[in-house]
Amino acid sequence: MGDAGILEGVLSDLPGGRSERARQRCEAGVAAGDPVALALTAVADFWLGDFAQATCHAFRAVDGATTDETRGLALAALALARAGDADWPGEDPLPEALALVEQGGQGPWWEAVRYLVTEARRP
């Protein structure tokens, strides 16, 4: 399954009450250091209220991102983690995430990234 398939699966699993399945979709990619899998695992961590793990996974995703699409997803995950992590260790990633979203393309990938960034902006 490609990155788009994993993205779709995770974003379907989470609101469907299948958060552990969402994490399982990403396990092999996380073990390999894949930034998409790390970012989506961070989103699942956030969903489950594990903000420290979300922060850890999201920072690793940002570090490994090599394309605008992957970096946008990773920054969106990092912005979500920051929204929940009371012990946030760094600068706010939201401005950079917003900038990437504004210049991002169309289609399901960028729509998902925009959704995650919007969720990170909620008070």
C-alpha atoms as a PDB file:
ATOM      1  CA  MET A   1       0.000   0.000   0.000  1.00  0.00           C
ATOM      2  CA  GLY A   2       1.386   3.406  -0.952  1.00  0.00           C
ATOM      3  CA  ASP A   3       1.508   6.577   1.100  1.00  0.00           C
ATOM      4  CA  ALA A   4      -1.914   7.747  -0.115  1.00  0.00           C
ATOM      5  CA  GLY A   5      -3.460   4.399   0.828  1.00  0.00           C
ATOM      6  CA  ILE A   6      -1.973   4.475   4.314  1.00  0.00           C
ATOM      7  CA  LEU A   7      -3.121   8.080   4.751  1.00  0.00           C
ATOM      8  CA  GLU A   8      -6.656   7.184   3.689  1.00  0.00           C
ATOM      9  CA  GLY A   9      -6.709   4.072   5.878  1.00  0.00           C
ATOM     10  CA  VAL A  10      -5.494   5.831   9.014  1.00  0.00           C
ATOM     11  CA  LEU A  11      -7.841   8.775   8.575  1.00  0.00           C
ATOM     12  CA  SER A  12     -10.689   6.301   8.116  1.00  0.00           C
ATOM     13  CA  ASP A  13      -9.692   4.101  11.058  1.00  0.00           C
ATOM     14  CA  LEU A  14      -9.408   6.843  13.678  1.00  0.00           C
ATOM     15  CA  PRO A  15     -12.966   8.221  13.642  1.00  0.00           C
ATOM     16  CA  GLY A  16     -14.225   4.688  13.061  1.00  0.00           C
ATOM     17  CA  GLY A  17     -12.987   3.599  16.492  1.00  0.00           C
ATOM     18  CA  ARG A  18     -10.087   1.562  15.110  1.00  0.00           C
ATOM     19  CA  SER A  19      -7.145   3.533  16.500  1.00  0.00           C
ATOM     20  CA  GLU A  20      -4.995   0.481  17.198  1.00  0.00           C
ATOM     21  CA  ARG A  21      -5.567  -0.672  13.627  1.00  0.00           C
ATOM     22  CA  ALA A  22      -4.431   2.765  12.457  1.00  0.00           C
ATOM     23  CA  ARG A  23      -1.193   2.322  14.395  1.00  0.00           C
ATOM     24  CA  GLN A  24      -0.745  -1.202  13.007  1.00  0.00           C
ATOM     25  CA  ARG A  25      -1.002   0.103   9.445  1.00  0.00           C
ATOM     26  CA  CYS A  26       2.106   2.165  10.149  1.00  0.00           C
ATOM     27  CA  GLU A  27       4.235  -0.274  12.179  1.00  0.00           C
ATOM     28  CA  ALA A  28       6.544  -1.455   9.394  1.00  0.00           C
ATOM     29  CA  GLY A  29       7.061   2.090   8.135  1.00  0.00           C
ATOM     30  CA  VAL A  30       7.806   3.396  11.627  1.00  0.00           C
ATOM     31  CA  ALA A  31      10.396   0.659  12.115  1.00  0.00           C
ATOM     32  CA  ALA A  32      11.997   1.684   8.805  1.00  0.00           C
ATOM     33  CA  GLY A  33      11.925   5.411   9.696  1.00  0.00           C
ATOM     34  CA  ASP A  34       9.404   6.289   6.974  1.00  0.00           C
ATOM     35  CA  PRO A  35       8.256   9.882   7.588  1.00  0.00           C
ATOM     36  CA  VAL A  36       4.697   9.264   6.343  1.00  0.00           C
ATOM     37  CA  ALA A  37       4.245   6.332   8.717  1.00  0.00           C
ATOM     38  CA  LEU A  38       5.803   8.331  11.551  1.00  0.00           C
ATOM     39  CA  ALA A  39       3.522  11.321  10.900  1.00  0.00           C
ATOM     40  CA  LEU A  40       0.403   9.168  10.753  1.00  0.00           C
ATOM     41  CA  THR A  41       1.423   7.329  13.901  1.00  0.00           C
ATOM     42  CA  ALA A  42       1.802  10.746  15.548  1.00  0.00           C
ATOM     43  CA  VAL A  43      -1.760  11.568  14.471  1.00  0.00           C
ATOM     44  CA  ALA A  44      -2.970   8.279  15.981  1.00  0.00           C
ATOM     45  CA  ASP A  45      -1.005   9.002  19.165  1.00  0.00           C
ATOM     46  CA  PHE A  46      -2.654  12.427  19.353  1.00  0.00           C
ATOM     47  CA  TRP A  47      -6.062  10.846  18.800  1.00  0.00           C
ATOM     48  CA  LEU A  48      -5.416   8.510  21.732  1.00  0.00           C
ATOM     49  CA  GLY A  49      -4.197  11.347  23.969  1.00  0.00           C
ATOM     50  CA  ASP A  50      -0.586  10.160  24.012  1.00  0.00           C
ATOM     51  CA  PHE A  51       0.866  13.604  23.317  1.00  0.00           C
ATOM     52  CA  ALA A  52       4.443  12.792  24.320  1.00  0.00           C
ATOM     53  CA  GLN A  53       4.547   9.901  21.828  1.00  0.00           C
ATOM     54  CA  ALA A  54       2.865  12.074  19.205  1.00  0.00           C
ATOM     55  CA  THR A  55       5.604  14.656  19.698  1.00  0.00           C
ATOM     56  CA  CYS A  56       8.358  12.057  19.396  1.00  0.00           C
ATOM     57  CA  HIS A  57       6.924  10.478  16.239  1.00  0.00           C
ATOM     58  CA  ALA A  58       6.162  13.844  14.645  1.00  0.00           C
ATOM     59  CA  PHE A  59       9.679  15.227  15.219  1.00  0.00           C
ATOM     60  CA  ARG A  60      11.100  12.086  13.602  1.00  0.00           C
ATOM     61  CA  ALA A  61       8.696  12.525  10.675  1.00  0.00           C
ATOM     62  CA  VAL A  62       9.782  16.137  10.123  1.00  0.00           C
ATOM     63  CA  ASP A  63      13.440  15.119  10.291  1.00  0.00           C
ATOM     64  CA  GLY A  64      12.907  12.456   7.608  1.00  0.00           C
ATOM     65  CA  ALA A  65      10.633  14.404   5.256  1.00  0.00           C
ATOM     66  CA  THR A  66      12.142  14.993   1.811  1.00  0.00           C
ATOM     67  CA  THR A  67       9.194  16.348  -0.205  1.00  0.00           C
ATOM     68  CA  ASP A  68       6.711  19.164   0.349  1.00  0.00           C
ATOM     69  CA  GLU A  69       3.891  16.626   0.611  1.00  0.00           C
ATOM     70  CA  THR A  70       5.644  14.599   3.269  1.00  0.00           C
ATOM     71  CA  ARG A  71       6.878  17.689   5.106  1.00  0.00           C
ATOM     72  CA  GLY A  72       3.352  19.141   5.071  1.00  0.00           C
ATOM     73  CA  LEU A  73       1.949  15.981   6.640  1.00  0.00           C
ATOM     74  CA  ALA A  74       4.779  15.803   9.167  1.00  0.00           C
ATOM     75  CA  LEU A  75       4.352  19.452  10.183  1.00  0.00           C
ATOM     76  CA  ALA A  76       0.593  18.985  10.476  1.00  0.00           C
ATOM     77  CA  ALA A  77       1.215  16.045  12.810  1.00  0.00           C
ATOM     78  CA  LEU A  78       3.755  18.106  14.748  1.00  0.00           C
ATOM     79  CA  ALA A  79       1.275  20.986  15.065  1.00  0.00           C
ATOM     80  CA  LEU A  80      -1.325  18.540  16.428  1.00  0.00           C
ATOM     81  CA  ALA A  81       1.193  17.159  18.903  1.00  0.00           C
ATOM     82  CA  ARG A  82       2.072  20.677  20.025  1.00  0.00           C
ATOM     83  CA  ALA A  83      -1.613  21.430  20.577  1.00  0.00           C
ATOM     84  CA  GLY A  84      -1.825  18.623  23.122  1.00  0.00           C
ATOM     85  CA  ASP A  85       1.640  18.522  24.668  1.00  0.00           C
ATOM     86  CA  ALA A  86       1.818  20.645  27.819  1.00  0.00           C
ATOM     87  CA  ASP A  87       5.598  20.126  27.931  1.00  0.00           C
ATOM     88  CA  TRP A  88       6.209  21.251  24.356  1.00  0.00           C
ATOM     89  CA  PRO A  89       9.977  21.294  23.733  1.00  0.00           C
ATOM     90  CA  GLY A  90      10.311  23.606  20.745  1.00  0.00           C
ATOM     91  CA  GLU A  91       8.991  26.336  18.518  1.00  0.00           C
ATOM     92  CA  ASP A  92       5.436  26.331  17.226  1.00  0.00           C
ATOM     93  CA  PRO A  93       5.358  24.410  13.908  1.00  0.00           C
ATOM     94  CA  LEU A  94       1.975  25.840  12.909  1.00  0.00           C
ATOM     95  CA  PRO A  95       3.267  28.836  10.876  1.00  0.00           C
ATOM     96  CA  GLU A  96       5.425  26.600   8.679  1.00  0.00           C
ATOM     97  CA  ALA A  97       2.606  24.058   8.333  1.00  0.00           C
ATOM     98  CA  LEU A  98       0.214  26.828   7.280  1.00  0.00           C
ATOM     99  CA  ALA A  99       2.709  28.133   4.715  1.00  0.00           C
ATOM    100  CA  LEU A 100       3.091  24.694   3.151  1.00  0.00           C
ATOM    101  CA  VAL A 101      -0.666  24.171   3.082  1.00  0.00           C
ATOM    102  CA  GLU A 102      -1.157  27.507   1.329  1.00  0.00           C
ATOM    103  CA  GLN A 103       1.300  26.584  -1.406  1.00  0.00           C
ATOM    104  CA  GLY A 104       0.267  22.912  -1.513  1.00  0.00           C
ATOM    105  CA  GLY A 105      -1.589  21.395  -4.390  1.00  0.00           C
ATOM    106  CA  GLN A 106      -5.058  19.993  -4.727  1.00  0.00           C
ATOM    107  CA  GLY A 107      -6.294  16.474  -4.202  1.00  0.00           C
ATOM    108  CA  PRO A 108      -6.886  14.100  -1.321  1.00  0.00           C
ATOM    109  CA  TRP A 109      -3.368  14.348   0.128  1.00  0.00           C
ATOM    110  CA  TRP A 110      -3.397  18.116   0.588  1.00  0.00           C
ATOM    111  CA  GLU A 111      -7.038  18.074   1.719  1.00  0.00           C
ATOM    112  CA  ALA A 112      -6.047  15.690   4.510  1.00  0.00           C
ATOM    113  CA  VAL A 113      -3.064  17.854   5.465  1.00  0.00           C
ATOM    114  CA  ARG A 114      -5.285  20.962   5.489  1.00  0.00           C
ATOM    115  CA  TYR A 115      -7.770  19.167   7.739  1.00  0.00           C
ATOM    116  CA  LEU A 116      -5.036  18.203  10.226  1.00  0.00           C
ATOM    117  CA  VAL A 117      -3.636  21.739  10.271  1.00  0.00           C
ATOM    118  CA  THR A 118      -7.136  23.099  10.880  1.00  0.00           C
ATOM    119  CA  GLU A 119      -7.568  20.707  13.799  1.00  0.00           C
ATOM    120  CA  ALA A 120      -4.239  21.848  15.234  1.00  0.00           C
ATOM    121  CA  ARG A 121      -5.464  25.448  15.138  1.00  0.00           C
ATOM    122  CA  ARG A 122      -8.551  24.743  17.229  1.00  0.00           C
ATOM    123  CA  PRO A 123      -8.403  26.159  20.744  1.00  0.00           C
END
